[in-house]
Amino acid sequence: MRVLFIGFGSVAKEMARILTHSHLYPRLDFSLKAVGIFTARHGGVEDKNGIDLARVLDNFNKYGGFAADGGGLSCLTPLAAAMTLDYDVLVELSVLSIEGRGEPAASYIRAALARGKSVVSANKGPVAFVYRELKELARENAAEYLFESAVMDGAPVFNLYERCMKGAAVTGFSGILNGTTNFILSQMEIGTPFEEALRQAQDAGIAEADPSMDVDGWDPAAKAAALANVLMGADLTPLDVRREGIRHVTPASAQDALKRGFRLKLICRGWKEDGDIRTGVMVEEIPQNHVFATVSHFGSALRIEADLMHPNIIVQECPDLTDTAFGVIEDLISVESRLSLAR
């Protein structure tokens, strides 16, 4: 299976590590041929005969970018690569853009789907802003658009819905879906000041140098919109989500809630109200006997409600890059299976 990568950040590098050390994972029976790797900052490489992922990874670790021995350096832009190169699947791993309303990732995905190329992505932006359009484009061109790692670091959220809830209608969801804010809130319970807790999250590689997407609630708002669009058939964007961050929370308020039998959590919700689908991201007091109260540090959880099932809860303990990378690989395995059946 020929794969084009757009984006070669932390998740893509972890994928490369897993795929080049597949002997460490006895159940992983999967291989791919990377025919192109393109980034916004470092340019790109292409080779129709296959790029040596181990060498590219080594070059990034040594030099912070591509080198001539890791594949033929390319003058194409990421969009031009998606539009012109010969590949089977686009692996889209660029960063979330709220200001750009899911662009430029959405354009990369459109370009691939319009050519009948399947897309696997960890980017929540296009799902949150233009999911309905992209899903229809995939259907029209007999391609797949998969994004298991977009919301919960590869935990089987969308696979659960697509494969195990056929015939059931999702009526609502709630969850803890941002590890940075959950860690900061957990640390403030023991008296750690906000800025110190944030620094610890950055040192752990969980929070970005600019943490505003997390602490101001934009990342979980994008996830709430994505879940509403996919699970509930909504047509929302993060701008439609009632949103608050955690900057107003103090160690004193977190400790006060704890003394009263609660924990402060930043909760994403989706629900139906008067025929419409509503979404919100708010700091809530969660009783200590609730499952969400057990989720500490970088953990996450999602509760899905449906008409024909009692609620299902997925809890993920402290996910890291391996979880996210595997979610992308699992989607690739699904696409490979479909391609094999089509041959």
C-alpha atoms as a PDB file:
ATOM      1  CA  MET A   1       0.000   0.000   0.000  1.00  0.00           C
ATOM      2  CA  ARG A   2       1.516   3.296  -1.162  1.00  0.00           C
ATOM      3  CA  VAL A   3       1.177   6.075   1.391  1.00  0.00           C
ATOM      4  CA  LEU A   4       1.657   9.824   1.182  1.00  0.00           C
ATOM      5  CA  PHE A   5       2.367  11.586   4.485  1.00  0.00           C
ATOM      6  CA  ILE A   6       1.455  15.228   4.980  1.00  0.00           C
ATOM      7  CA  GLY A   7       2.872  16.294   8.315  1.00  0.00           C
ATOM      8  CA  PHE A   8       5.876  14.698   9.992  1.00  0.00           C
ATOM      9  CA  GLY A   9       5.543  15.786  13.579  1.00  0.00           C
ATOM     10  CA  SER A  10       5.483  13.744  16.751  1.00  0.00           C
ATOM     11  CA  VAL A  11       2.702  11.343  15.705  1.00  0.00           C
ATOM     12  CA  ALA A  12       4.226  10.599  12.291  1.00  0.00           C
ATOM     13  CA  LYS A  13       7.639  10.041  13.845  1.00  0.00           C
ATOM     14  CA  GLU A  14       6.155   7.600  16.347  1.00  0.00           C
ATOM     15  CA  MET A  15       4.426   5.790  13.474  1.00  0.00           C
ATOM     16  CA  ALA A  16       7.772   5.550  11.697  1.00  0.00           C
ATOM     17  CA  ARG A  17       9.370   4.150  14.850  1.00  0.00           C
ATOM     18  CA  ILE A  18       6.643   1.512  15.236  1.00  0.00           C
ATOM     19  CA  LEU A  19       6.686   0.518  11.570  1.00  0.00           C
ATOM     20  CA  THR A  20      10.478   0.251  11.417  1.00  0.00           C
ATOM     21  CA  HIS A  21      10.557  -1.808  14.635  1.00  0.00           C
ATOM     22  CA  SER A  22       7.553  -4.002  13.879  1.00  0.00           C
ATOM     23  CA  HIS A  23       9.418  -7.028  15.271  1.00  0.00           C
ATOM     24  CA  LEU A  24       8.702  -5.578  18.713  1.00  0.00           C
ATOM     25  CA  TYR A  25       4.959  -5.947  18.142  1.00  0.00           C
ATOM     26  CA  PRO A  26       4.127  -9.584  17.362  1.00  0.00           C
ATOM     27  CA  ARG A  27       0.478  -8.951  16.396  1.00  0.00           C
ATOM     28  CA  LEU A  28       1.295  -6.105  14.017  1.00  0.00           C
ATOM     29  CA  ASP A  29       1.210  -7.708  10.568  1.00  0.00           C
ATOM     30  CA  PHE A  30       1.353  -4.577   8.465  1.00  0.00           C
ATOM     31  CA  SER A  31       3.739  -2.768   6.176  1.00  0.00           C
ATOM     32  CA  LEU A  32       3.518   0.203   3.853  1.00  0.00           C
ATOM     33  CA  LYS A  33       5.529   1.988   1.204  1.00  0.00           C
ATOM     34  CA  ALA A  34       5.904   5.712   1.841  1.00  0.00           C
ATOM     35  CA  VAL A  35       6.105   7.440  -1.543  1.00  0.00           C
ATOM     36  CA  GLY A  36       6.117  10.983  -0.184  1.00  0.00           C
ATOM     37  CA  ILE A  37       6.527  12.927   3.063  1.00  0.00           C
ATOM     38  CA  PHE A  38       5.656  16.629   3.035  1.00  0.00           C
ATOM     39  CA  THR A  39       5.627  19.265   5.750  1.00  0.00           C
ATOM     40  CA  ALA A  40       4.781  22.955   5.959  1.00  0.00           C
ATOM     41  CA  ARG A  41       8.117  23.878   7.570  1.00  0.00           C
ATOM     42  CA  HIS A  42      10.722  21.456   6.252  1.00  0.00           C
ATOM     43  CA  GLY A  43       9.681  20.878   2.645  1.00  0.00           C
ATOM     44  CA  GLY A  44       9.267  17.335   1.397  1.00  0.00           C
ATOM     45  CA  VAL A  45      10.727  14.202  -0.120  1.00  0.00           C
ATOM     46  CA  GLU A  46       9.300  11.814  -2.677  1.00  0.00           C
ATOM     47  CA  ASP A  47      10.303   8.478  -4.167  1.00  0.00           C
ATOM     48  CA  LYS A  48       7.906   6.263  -6.102  1.00  0.00           C
ATOM     49  CA  ASN A  49      10.011   3.234  -5.139  1.00  0.00           C
ATOM     50  CA  GLY A  50       9.616   3.890  -1.438  1.00  0.00           C
ATOM     51  CA  ILE A  51      11.246   6.117   1.161  1.00  0.00           C
ATOM     52  CA  ASP A  52      13.407   4.681   3.921  1.00  0.00           C
ATOM     53  CA  LEU A  53      11.395   5.725   7.002  1.00  0.00           C
ATOM     54  CA  ALA A  54      14.187   4.731   9.380  1.00  0.00           C
ATOM     55  CA  ARG A  55      16.629   7.008   7.573  1.00  0.00           C
ATOM     56  CA  VAL A  56      14.159   9.911   7.478  1.00  0.00           C
ATOM     57  CA  LEU A  57      13.536   9.489  11.194  1.00  0.00           C
ATOM     58  CA  ASP A  58      17.276   9.422  11.866  1.00  0.00           C
ATOM     59  CA  ASN A  59      17.796  12.571   9.771  1.00  0.00           C
ATOM     60  CA  PHE A  60      15.094  14.421  11.688  1.00  0.00           C
ATOM     61  CA  ASN A  61      16.648  13.385  14.978  1.00  0.00           C
ATOM     62  CA  LYS A  62      20.124  14.465  13.841  1.00  0.00           C
ATOM     63  CA  TYR A  63      19.450  17.505  11.678  1.00  0.00           C
ATOM     64  CA  GLY A  64      15.861  18.542  12.450  1.00  0.00           C
ATOM     65  CA  GLY A  65      14.718  17.982   8.877  1.00  0.00           C
ATOM     66  CA  PHE A  66      15.092  16.077   5.629  1.00  0.00           C
ATOM     67  CA  ALA A  67      18.409  15.163   4.043  1.00  0.00           C
ATOM     68  CA  ALA A  68      19.226  14.048   0.518  1.00  0.00           C
ATOM     69  CA  ASP A  69      19.859  10.449   1.587  1.00  0.00           C
ATOM     70  CA  GLY A  70      16.305  10.048   2.957  1.00  0.00           C
ATOM     71  CA  GLY A  71      14.541  10.221  -0.406  1.00  0.00           C
ATOM     72  CA  GLY A  72      14.562  12.655  -3.319  1.00  0.00           C
ATOM     73  CA  LEU A  73      14.039  16.199  -2.084  1.00  0.00           C
ATOM     74  CA  SER A  74      10.880  17.580  -3.680  1.00  0.00           C
ATOM     75  CA  CYS A  75       9.828  21.069  -4.772  1.00  0.00           C
ATOM     76  CA  LEU A  76       6.114  20.215  -4.474  1.00  0.00           C
ATOM     77  CA  THR A  77       3.873  21.821  -1.901  1.00  0.00           C
ATOM     78  CA  PRO A  78       1.842  19.493   0.329  1.00  0.00           C
ATOM     79  CA  LEU A  79      -1.318  20.336  -1.647  1.00  0.00           C
ATOM     80  CA  ALA A  80       0.380  19.731  -4.989  1.00  0.00           C
ATOM     81  CA  ALA A  81       1.657  16.394  -3.692  1.00  0.00           C
ATOM     82  CA  ALA A  82      -1.869  15.372  -2.663  1.00  0.00           C
ATOM     83  CA  MET A  83      -3.150  16.390  -6.093  1.00  0.00           C
ATOM     84  CA  THR A  84      -0.472  14.798  -8.279  1.00  0.00           C
ATOM     85  CA  LEU A  85       1.551  12.000  -6.712  1.00  0.00           C
ATOM     86  CA  ASP A  86       0.674   8.338  -7.224  1.00  0.00           C
ATOM     87  CA  TYR A  87      -0.428   6.872  -3.876  1.00  0.00           C
ATOM     88  CA  ASP A  88      -3.221   4.781  -2.356  1.00  0.00           C
ATOM     89  CA  VAL A  89      -3.757   6.509   0.976  1.00  0.00           C
ATOM     90  CA  LEU A  90      -3.089   9.999   2.294  1.00  0.00           C
ATOM     91  CA  VAL A  91      -1.977  10.071   5.931  1.00  0.00           C
ATOM     92  CA  GLU A  92      -2.858  13.616   6.988  1.00  0.00           C
ATOM     93  CA  LEU A  93      -1.138  14.633  10.236  1.00  0.00           C
ATOM     94  CA  SER A  94      -0.939  18.414  10.135  1.00  0.00           C
ATOM     95  CA  VAL A  95      -1.885  20.548  13.140  1.00  0.00           C
ATOM     96  CA  LEU A  96      -5.328  21.694  14.231  1.00  0.00           C
ATOM     97  CA  SER A  97      -6.291  25.157  12.977  1.00  0.00           C
ATOM     98  CA  ILE A  98      -9.290  26.861  14.549  1.00  0.00           C
ATOM     99  CA  GLU A  99      -8.519  30.229  12.974  1.00  0.00           C
ATOM    100  CA  GLY A 100      -8.229  28.563   9.564  1.00  0.00           C
ATOM    101  CA  ARG A 101     -11.456  26.586  10.105  1.00  0.00           C
ATOM    102  CA  GLY A 102      -9.699  23.282   9.508  1.00  0.00           C
ATOM    103  CA  GLU A 103      -7.486  24.538   6.692  1.00  0.00           C
ATOM    104  CA  PRO A 104      -5.136  23.729   5.087  1.00  0.00           C
ATOM    105  CA  ALA A 105      -5.760  20.129   6.209  1.00  0.00           C
ATOM    106  CA  ALA A 106      -9.289  20.099   4.760  1.00  0.00           C
ATOM    107  CA  SER A 107      -7.916  21.037   1.316  1.00  0.00           C
ATOM    108  CA  TYR A 108      -5.352  18.227   1.437  1.00  0.00           C
ATOM    109  CA  ILE A 109      -8.107  15.765   2.299  1.00  0.00           C
ATOM    110  CA  ARG A 110     -10.446  17.114  -0.407  1.00  0.00           C
ATOM    111  CA  ALA A 111      -7.703  16.766  -3.013  1.00  0.00           C
ATOM    112  CA  ALA A 112      -7.096  13.127  -2.110  1.00  0.00           C
ATOM    113  CA  LEU A 113     -10.757  12.116  -1.849  1.00  0.00           C
ATOM    114  CA  ALA A 114     -11.603  13.812  -5.163  1.00  0.00           C
ATOM    115  CA  ARG A 115      -9.069  11.469  -6.786  1.00  0.00           C
ATOM    116  CA  GLY A 116     -10.594   8.412  -5.135  1.00  0.00           C
ATOM    117  CA  LYS A 117      -7.706   8.141  -2.671  1.00  0.00           C
ATOM    118  CA  SER A 118      -8.570   7.143   0.880  1.00  0.00           C
ATOM    119  CA  VAL A 119      -7.532   9.357   3.771  1.00  0.00           C
ATOM    120  CA  VAL A 120      -6.441   8.516   7.306  1.00  0.00           C
ATOM    121  CA  SER A 121      -5.985  11.443   9.657  1.00  0.00           C
ATOM    122  CA  ALA A 122      -5.410  12.346  13.296  1.00  0.00           C
ATOM    123  CA  ASN A 123      -6.547  15.925  12.669  1.00  0.00           C
ATOM    124  CA  LYS A 124      -9.796  16.882  14.422  1.00  0.00           C
ATOM    125  CA  GLY A 125     -10.101  20.181  12.538  1.00  0.00           C
ATOM    126  CA  PRO A 126     -11.626  18.914   9.277  1.00  0.00           C
ATOM    127  CA  VAL A 127     -13.993  16.612  11.205  1.00  0.00           C
ATOM    128  CA  ALA A 128     -15.061  19.545  13.354  1.00  0.00           C
ATOM    129  CA  PHE A 129     -15.534  22.026  10.502  1.00  0.00           C
ATOM    130  CA  VAL A 130     -16.384  20.186   7.259  1.00  0.00           C
ATOM    131  CA  TYR A 131     -17.111  16.556   8.161  1.00  0.00           C
ATOM    132  CA  ARG A 132     -20.354  16.270   6.189  1.00  0.00           C
ATOM    133  CA  GLU A 133     -18.730  17.566   3.001  1.00  0.00           C
ATOM    134  CA  LEU A 134     -15.693  15.296   3.301  1.00  0.00           C
ATOM    135  CA  LYS A 135     -17.710  12.191   4.141  1.00  0.00           C
ATOM    136  CA  GLU A 136     -19.952  12.781   1.106  1.00  0.00           C
ATOM    137  CA  LEU A 137     -16.898  13.334  -1.102  1.00  0.00           C
ATOM    138  CA  ALA A 138     -15.451  10.036   0.108  1.00  0.00           C
ATOM    139  CA  ARG A 139     -18.738   8.253  -0.640  1.00  0.00           C
ATOM    140  CA  GLU A 140     -18.991   9.749  -4.130  1.00  0.00           C
ATOM    141  CA  ASN A 141     -15.470   8.596  -5.012  1.00  0.00           C
ATOM    142  CA  ALA A 142     -15.557   5.146  -3.355  1.00  0.00           C
ATOM    143  CA  ALA A 143     -12.850   6.162  -0.897  1.00  0.00           C
ATOM    144  CA  GLU A 144     -12.582   6.080   2.894  1.00  0.00           C
ATOM    145  CA  TYR A 145     -12.073   8.917   5.347  1.00  0.00           C
ATOM    146  CA  LEU A 146     -10.987   7.574   8.750  1.00  0.00           C
ATOM    147  CA  PHE A 147      -9.856   9.541  11.814  1.00  0.00           C
ATOM    148  CA  GLU A 148      -9.828   7.318  14.902  1.00  0.00           C
ATOM    149  CA  SER A 149      -7.028   9.290  16.561  1.00  0.00           C
ATOM    150  CA  ALA A 150      -8.716  12.673  16.126  1.00  0.00           C
ATOM    151  CA  VAL A 151     -10.577  12.755  19.446  1.00  0.00           C
ATOM    152  CA  MET A 152      -9.265  10.228  21.976  1.00  0.00           C
ATOM    153  CA  ASP A 153      -5.681   9.316  21.044  1.00  0.00           C
ATOM    154  CA  GLY A 154      -6.574   6.183  19.136  1.00  0.00           C
ATOM    155  CA  ALA A 155      -9.038   4.692  21.635  1.00  0.00           C
ATOM    156  CA  PRO A 156     -11.784   2.940  19.619  1.00  0.00           C
ATOM    157  CA  VAL A 157     -14.462   5.639  19.724  1.00  0.00           C
ATOM    158  CA  PHE A 158     -15.485   5.890  16.088  1.00  0.00           C
ATOM    159  CA  ASN A 159     -14.861   2.178  15.498  1.00  0.00           C
ATOM    160  CA  LEU A 160     -17.176   1.403  18.411  1.00  0.00           C
ATOM    161  CA  TYR A 161     -19.865   3.572  16.855  1.00  0.00           C
ATOM    162  CA  GLU A 162     -19.418   2.356  13.267  1.00  0.00           C
ATOM    163  CA  ARG A 163     -18.968  -1.340  13.964  1.00  0.00           C
ATOM    164  CA  CYS A 164     -20.850  -2.045  17.182  1.00  0.00           C
ATOM    165  CA  MET A 165     -23.747   0.428  17.263  1.00  0.00           C
ATOM    166  CA  LYS A 166     -25.426  -0.168  13.906  1.00  0.00           C
ATOM    167  CA  GLY A 167     -29.128   0.468  14.291  1.00  0.00           C
ATOM    168  CA  ALA A 168     -28.730   2.472  17.499  1.00  0.00           C
ATOM    169  CA  ALA A 169     -29.034   6.248  17.614  1.00  0.00           C
ATOM    170  CA  VAL A 170     -26.644   8.197  19.821  1.00  0.00           C
ATOM    171  CA  THR A 171     -28.626  10.587  21.992  1.00  0.00           C
ATOM    172  CA  GLY A 172     -25.775  12.231  23.861  1.00  0.00           C
ATOM    173  CA  PHE A 173     -22.184  12.063  25.036  1.00  0.00           C
ATOM    174  CA  SER A 174     -19.971  13.481  27.752  1.00  0.00           C
ATOM    175  CA  GLY A 175     -16.306  13.156  28.526  1.00  0.00           C
ATOM    176  CA  ILE A 176     -12.892  14.353  29.607  1.00  0.00           C
ATOM    177  CA  LEU A 177     -11.076  14.819  26.322  1.00  0.00           C
ATOM    178  CA  ASN A 178      -8.082  17.073  26.987  1.00  0.00           C
ATOM    179  CA  GLY A 179      -5.151  15.654  28.898  1.00  0.00           C
ATOM    180  CA  THR A 180      -3.395  18.981  29.476  1.00  0.00           C
ATOM    181  CA  THR A 181      -6.306  20.583  31.305  1.00  0.00           C
ATOM    182  CA  ASN A 182      -7.082  17.416  33.228  1.00  0.00           C
ATOM    183  CA  PHE A 183      -3.475  17.281  34.441  1.00  0.00           C
ATOM    184  CA  ILE A 184      -3.489  20.941  35.474  1.00  0.00           C
ATOM    185  CA  LEU A 185      -6.760  20.530  37.393  1.00  0.00           C
ATOM    186  CA  SER A 186      -5.393  17.415  39.114  1.00  0.00           C
ATOM    187  CA  GLN A 187      -2.217  19.241  40.125  1.00  0.00           C
ATOM    188  CA  MET A 188      -4.122  22.236  41.479  1.00  0.00           C
ATOM    189  CA  GLU A 189      -5.931  19.864  43.838  1.00  0.00           C
ATOM    190  CA  ILE A 190      -2.627  19.377  45.664  1.00  0.00           C
ATOM    191  CA  GLY A 191      -1.932  23.112  45.724  1.00  0.00           C
ATOM    192  CA  THR A 192       0.221  23.480  42.607  1.00  0.00           C
ATOM    193  CA  PRO A 193      -0.261  26.936  41.040  1.00  0.00           C
ATOM    194  CA  PHE A 194      -1.719  27.058  37.534  1.00  0.00           C
ATOM    195  CA  GLU A 195       1.483  28.271  35.837  1.00  0.00           C
ATOM    196  CA  GLU A 196       3.623  25.629  37.553  1.00  0.00           C
ATOM    197  CA  ALA A 197       1.191  22.848  36.623  1.00  0.00           C
ATOM    198  CA  LEU A 198       1.190  24.091  33.028  1.00  0.00           C
ATOM    199  CA  ARG A 199       4.995  24.103  32.985  1.00  0.00           C
ATOM    200  CA  GLN A 200       5.017  20.505  34.222  1.00  0.00           C
ATOM    201  CA  ALA A 201       2.634  19.529  31.406  1.00  0.00           C
ATOM    202  CA  GLN A 202       4.900  21.244  28.883  1.00  0.00           C
ATOM    203  CA  ASP A 203       7.983  19.514  30.308  1.00  0.00           C
ATOM    204  CA  ALA A 204       6.168  16.180  29.943  1.00  0.00           C
ATOM    205  CA  GLY A 205       5.574  16.928  26.262  1.00  0.00           C
ATOM    206  CA  ILE A 206       1.784  16.976  26.646  1.00  0.00           C
ATOM    207  CA  ALA A 207       1.172  20.729  26.464  1.00  0.00           C
ATOM    208  CA  GLU A 208       2.391  22.892  23.584  1.00  0.00           C
ATOM    209  CA  ALA A 209       4.624  25.924  24.023  1.00  0.00           C
ATOM    210  CA  ASP A 210       1.481  27.955  23.269  1.00  0.00           C
ATOM    211  CA  PRO A 211      -1.095  26.236  25.507  1.00  0.00           C
ATOM    212  CA  SER A 212      -4.068  28.446  24.591  1.00  0.00           C
ATOM    213  CA  MET A 213      -5.763  25.773  22.461  1.00  0.00           C
ATOM    214  CA  ASP A 214      -5.974  23.571  25.545  1.00  0.00           C
ATOM    215  CA  VAL A 215      -6.440  25.895  28.503  1.00  0.00           C
ATOM    216  CA  ASP A 216      -8.926  28.139  26.673  1.00  0.00           C
ATOM    217  CA  GLY A 217     -11.014  25.135  25.666  1.00  0.00           C
ATOM    218  CA  TRP A 218     -10.595  25.237  21.889  1.00  0.00           C
ATOM    219  CA  ASP A 219      -9.151  21.726  21.563  1.00  0.00           C
ATOM    220  CA  PRO A 220     -11.997  20.083  23.528  1.00  0.00           C
ATOM    221  CA  ALA A 221     -14.506  22.289  21.668  1.00  0.00           C
ATOM    222  CA  ALA A 222     -13.204  20.898  18.371  1.00  0.00           C
ATOM    223  CA  LYS A 223     -13.533  17.385  19.776  1.00  0.00           C
ATOM    224  CA  ALA A 224     -17.086  18.068  20.959  1.00  0.00           C
ATOM    225  CA  ALA A 225     -18.039  19.345  17.498  1.00  0.00           C
ATOM    226  CA  ALA A 226     -16.383  16.331  15.851  1.00  0.00           C
ATOM    227  CA  LEU A 227     -18.235  13.880  18.093  1.00  0.00           C
ATOM    228  CA  ALA A 228     -21.561  15.642  17.532  1.00  0.00           C
ATOM    229  CA  ASN A 229     -21.039  15.619  13.766  1.00  0.00           C
ATOM    230  CA  VAL A 230     -20.054  11.959  13.512  1.00  0.00           C
ATOM    231  CA  LEU A 231     -22.074  10.308  16.273  1.00  0.00           C
ATOM    232  CA  MET A 232     -25.201  12.463  16.192  1.00  0.00           C
ATOM    233  CA  GLY A 233     -25.409  13.693  12.601  1.00  0.00           C
ATOM    234  CA  ALA A 234     -24.893  17.352  13.524  1.00  0.00           C
ATOM    235  CA  ASP A 235     -23.377  20.003  11.300  1.00  0.00           C
ATOM    236  CA  LEU A 236     -21.552  22.045  13.925  1.00  0.00           C
ATOM    237  CA  THR A 237     -18.171  23.736  14.201  1.00  0.00           C
ATOM    238  CA  PRO A 238     -16.101  24.549  17.301  1.00  0.00           C
ATOM    239  CA  LEU A 239     -17.449  28.090  17.028  1.00  0.00           C
ATOM    240  CA  ASP A 240     -20.930  26.710  17.800  1.00  0.00           C
ATOM    241  CA  VAL A 241     -19.797  25.049  21.030  1.00  0.00           C
ATOM    242  CA  ARG A 242     -20.532  26.788  24.317  1.00  0.00           C
ATOM    243  CA  ARG A 243     -16.982  27.006  25.604  1.00  0.00           C
ATOM    244  CA  GLU A 244     -14.990  27.924  28.659  1.00  0.00           C
ATOM    245  CA  GLY A 245     -11.426  27.117  29.599  1.00  0.00           C
ATOM    246  CA  ILE A 246      -9.731  26.604  32.955  1.00  0.00           C
ATOM    247  CA  ARG A 247      -7.865  29.894  33.441  1.00  0.00           C
ATOM    248  CA  HIS A 248     -10.366  30.985  36.103  1.00  0.00           C
ATOM    249  CA  VAL A 249      -9.754  27.878  38.246  1.00  0.00           C
ATOM    250  CA  THR A 250      -7.402  28.286  41.225  1.00  0.00           C
ATOM    251  CA  PRO A 251      -5.815  25.772  43.594  1.00  0.00           C
ATOM    252  CA  ALA A 252      -8.171  27.105  46.278  1.00  0.00           C
ATOM    253  CA  SER A 253     -11.284  26.394  44.219  1.00  0.00           C
ATOM    254  CA  ALA A 254     -10.036  22.938  43.191  1.00  0.00           C
ATOM    255  CA  GLN A 255      -9.247  22.070  46.824  1.00  0.00           C
ATOM    256  CA  ASP A 256     -12.570  23.446  48.027  1.00  0.00           C
ATOM    257  CA  ALA A 257     -14.430  21.187  45.587  1.00  0.00           C
ATOM    258  CA  LEU A 258     -12.363  18.227  46.790  1.00  0.00           C
ATOM    259  CA  LYS A 259     -13.266  18.907  50.423  1.00  0.00           C
ATOM    260  CA  ARG A 260     -16.963  18.907  49.477  1.00  0.00           C
ATOM    261  CA  GLY A 261     -16.696  15.509  47.733  1.00  0.00           C
ATOM    262  CA  PHE A 262     -16.208  16.708  44.157  1.00  0.00           C
ATOM    263  CA  ARG A 263     -13.428  17.058  41.593  1.00  0.00           C
ATOM    264  CA  LEU A 264     -13.268  19.853  39.028  1.00  0.00           C
ATOM    265  CA  LYS A 265     -13.162  18.500  35.470  1.00  0.00           C
ATOM    266  CA  LEU A 266     -13.368  20.152  32.063  1.00  0.00           C
ATOM    267  CA  ILE A 267     -16.286  18.233  30.537  1.00  0.00           C
ATOM    268  CA  CYS A 268     -17.301  18.022  26.871  1.00  0.00           C
ATOM    269  CA  ARG A 269     -21.006  17.370  26.321  1.00  0.00           C
ATOM    270  CA  GLY A 270     -23.383  16.816  23.452  1.00  0.00           C
ATOM    271  CA  TRP A 271     -27.143  16.492  23.891  1.00  0.00           C
ATOM    272  CA  LYS A 272     -30.474  16.949  22.135  1.00  0.00           C
ATOM    273  CA  GLU A 273     -32.687  19.853  23.124  1.00  0.00           C
ATOM    274  CA  ASP A 274     -35.938  20.897  21.412  1.00  0.00           C
ATOM    275  CA  GLY A 275     -34.986  18.994  18.278  1.00  0.00           C
ATOM    276  CA  ASP A 276     -31.526  20.554  18.050  1.00  0.00           C
ATOM    277  CA  ILE A 277     -28.106  19.183  18.972  1.00  0.00           C
ATOM    278  CA  ARG A 278     -26.242  21.245  21.560  1.00  0.00           C
ATOM    279  CA  THR A 279     -22.631  21.033  22.651  1.00  0.00           C
ATOM    280  CA  GLY A 280     -20.625  22.511  25.484  1.00  0.00           C
ATOM    281  CA  VAL A 281     -17.227  22.490  27.157  1.00  0.00           C
ATOM    282  CA  MET A 282     -17.437  23.604  30.774  1.00  0.00           C
ATOM    283  CA  VAL A 283     -15.669  23.156  34.099  1.00  0.00           C
ATOM    284  CA  GLU A 284     -17.993  21.015  36.239  1.00  0.00           C
ATOM    285  CA  GLU A 285     -18.005  19.629  39.760  1.00  0.00           C
ATOM    286  CA  ILE A 286     -17.996  15.841  39.379  1.00  0.00           C
ATOM    287  CA  PRO A 287     -18.973  13.670  42.373  1.00  0.00           C
ATOM    288  CA  GLN A 288     -16.071  11.549  43.572  1.00  0.00           C
ATOM    289  CA  ASN A 289     -18.070   8.342  43.057  1.00  0.00           C
ATOM    290  CA  HIS A 290     -18.471   9.090  39.328  1.00  0.00           C
ATOM    291  CA  VAL A 291     -16.206   7.326  36.818  1.00  0.00           C
ATOM    292  CA  PHE A 292     -14.967  10.671  35.513  1.00  0.00           C
ATOM    293  CA  ALA A 293     -13.640  11.526  38.976  1.00  0.00           C
ATOM    294  CA  THR A 294     -11.219   8.597  38.746  1.00  0.00           C
ATOM    295  CA  VAL A 295      -9.564  10.052  35.640  1.00  0.00           C
ATOM    296  CA  SER A 296      -6.436  11.863  36.774  1.00  0.00           C
ATOM    297  CA  HIS A 297      -3.370  13.380  35.176  1.00  0.00           C
ATOM    298  CA  PHE A 298      -3.326  12.924  31.372  1.00  0.00           C
ATOM    299  CA  GLY A 299      -6.170  10.395  31.239  1.00  0.00           C
ATOM    300  CA  SER A 300      -9.369  10.725  29.237  1.00  0.00           C
ATOM    301  CA  ALA A 301     -12.857   9.241  29.211  1.00  0.00           C
ATOM    302  CA  LEU A 302     -15.959   9.266  27.028  1.00  0.00           C
ATOM    303  CA  ARG A 303     -19.534   8.244  27.896  1.00  0.00           C
ATOM    304  CA  ILE A 304     -21.850   7.517  24.953  1.00  0.00           C
ATOM    305  CA  GLU A 305     -25.635   7.376  25.386  1.00  0.00           C
ATOM    306  CA  ALA A 306     -27.931   5.691  22.844  1.00  0.00           C
ATOM    307  CA  ASP A 307     -31.583   4.791  22.419  1.00  0.00           C
ATOM    308  CA  LEU A 308     -31.073   1.003  22.315  1.00  0.00           C
ATOM    309  CA  MET A 309     -28.162   0.679  24.742  1.00  0.00           C
ATOM    310  CA  HIS A 310     -27.342   1.750  28.248  1.00  0.00           C
ATOM    311  CA  PRO A 311     -24.383   4.160  28.349  1.00  0.00           C
ATOM    312  CA  ASN A 312     -20.958   2.842  27.380  1.00  0.00           C
ATOM    313  CA  ILE A 313     -17.882   4.433  28.938  1.00  0.00           C
ATOM    314  CA  ILE A 314     -14.374   4.294  27.480  1.00  0.00           C
ATOM    315  CA  VAL A 315     -11.574   5.239  29.887  1.00  0.00           C
ATOM    316  CA  GLN A 316      -8.007   5.684  28.701  1.00  0.00           C
ATOM    317  CA  GLU A 317      -5.195   5.879  31.235  1.00  0.00           C
ATOM    318  CA  CYS A 318      -2.533   8.454  30.408  1.00  0.00           C
ATOM    319  CA  PRO A 319      -2.348   7.992  26.617  1.00  0.00           C
ATOM    320  CA  ASP A 320       0.824   9.005  24.833  1.00  0.00           C
ATOM    321  CA  LEU A 321       2.123   9.228  21.270  1.00  0.00           C
ATOM    322  CA  THR A 322       2.106   5.458  20.857  1.00  0.00           C
ATOM    323  CA  ASP A 323      -1.664   5.365  21.394  1.00  0.00           C
ATOM    324  CA  THR A 324      -2.228   8.122  18.822  1.00  0.00           C
ATOM    325  CA  ALA A 325       0.144   6.585  16.296  1.00  0.00           C
ATOM    326  CA  PHE A 326      -1.467   3.171  16.667  1.00  0.00           C
ATOM    327  CA  GLY A 327      -4.901   4.689  16.055  1.00  0.00           C
ATOM    328  CA  VAL A 328      -3.614   5.933  12.685  1.00  0.00           C
ATOM    329  CA  ILE A 329      -2.011   2.568  11.911  1.00  0.00           C
ATOM    330  CA  GLU A 330      -5.228   0.734  12.800  1.00  0.00           C
ATOM    331  CA  ASP A 331      -7.121   2.947  10.353  1.00  0.00           C
ATOM    332  CA  LEU A 332      -4.507   2.141   7.706  1.00  0.00           C
ATOM    333  CA  ILE A 333      -4.995  -1.574   8.366  1.00  0.00           C
ATOM    334  CA  SER A 334      -8.742  -1.083   7.810  1.00  0.00           C
ATOM    335  CA  VAL A 335      -8.107   0.672   4.494  1.00  0.00           C
ATOM    336  CA  GLU A 336      -5.648  -2.030   3.440  1.00  0.00           C
ATOM    337  CA  SER A 337      -8.277  -4.688   4.097  1.00  0.00           C
ATOM    338  CA  ARG A 338     -10.758  -2.861   1.873  1.00  0.00           C
ATOM    339  CA  LEU A 339      -8.155  -2.430  -0.870  1.00  0.00           C
ATOM    340  CA  SER A 340      -7.311  -6.141  -0.689  1.00  0.00           C
ATOM    341  CA  LEU A 341     -10.977  -7.084  -1.135  1.00  0.00           C
ATOM    342  CA  ALA A 342     -11.262  -4.739  -4.109  1.00  0.00           C
ATOM    343  CA  ARG A 343      -8.331  -6.331  -5.935  1.00  0.00           C
END
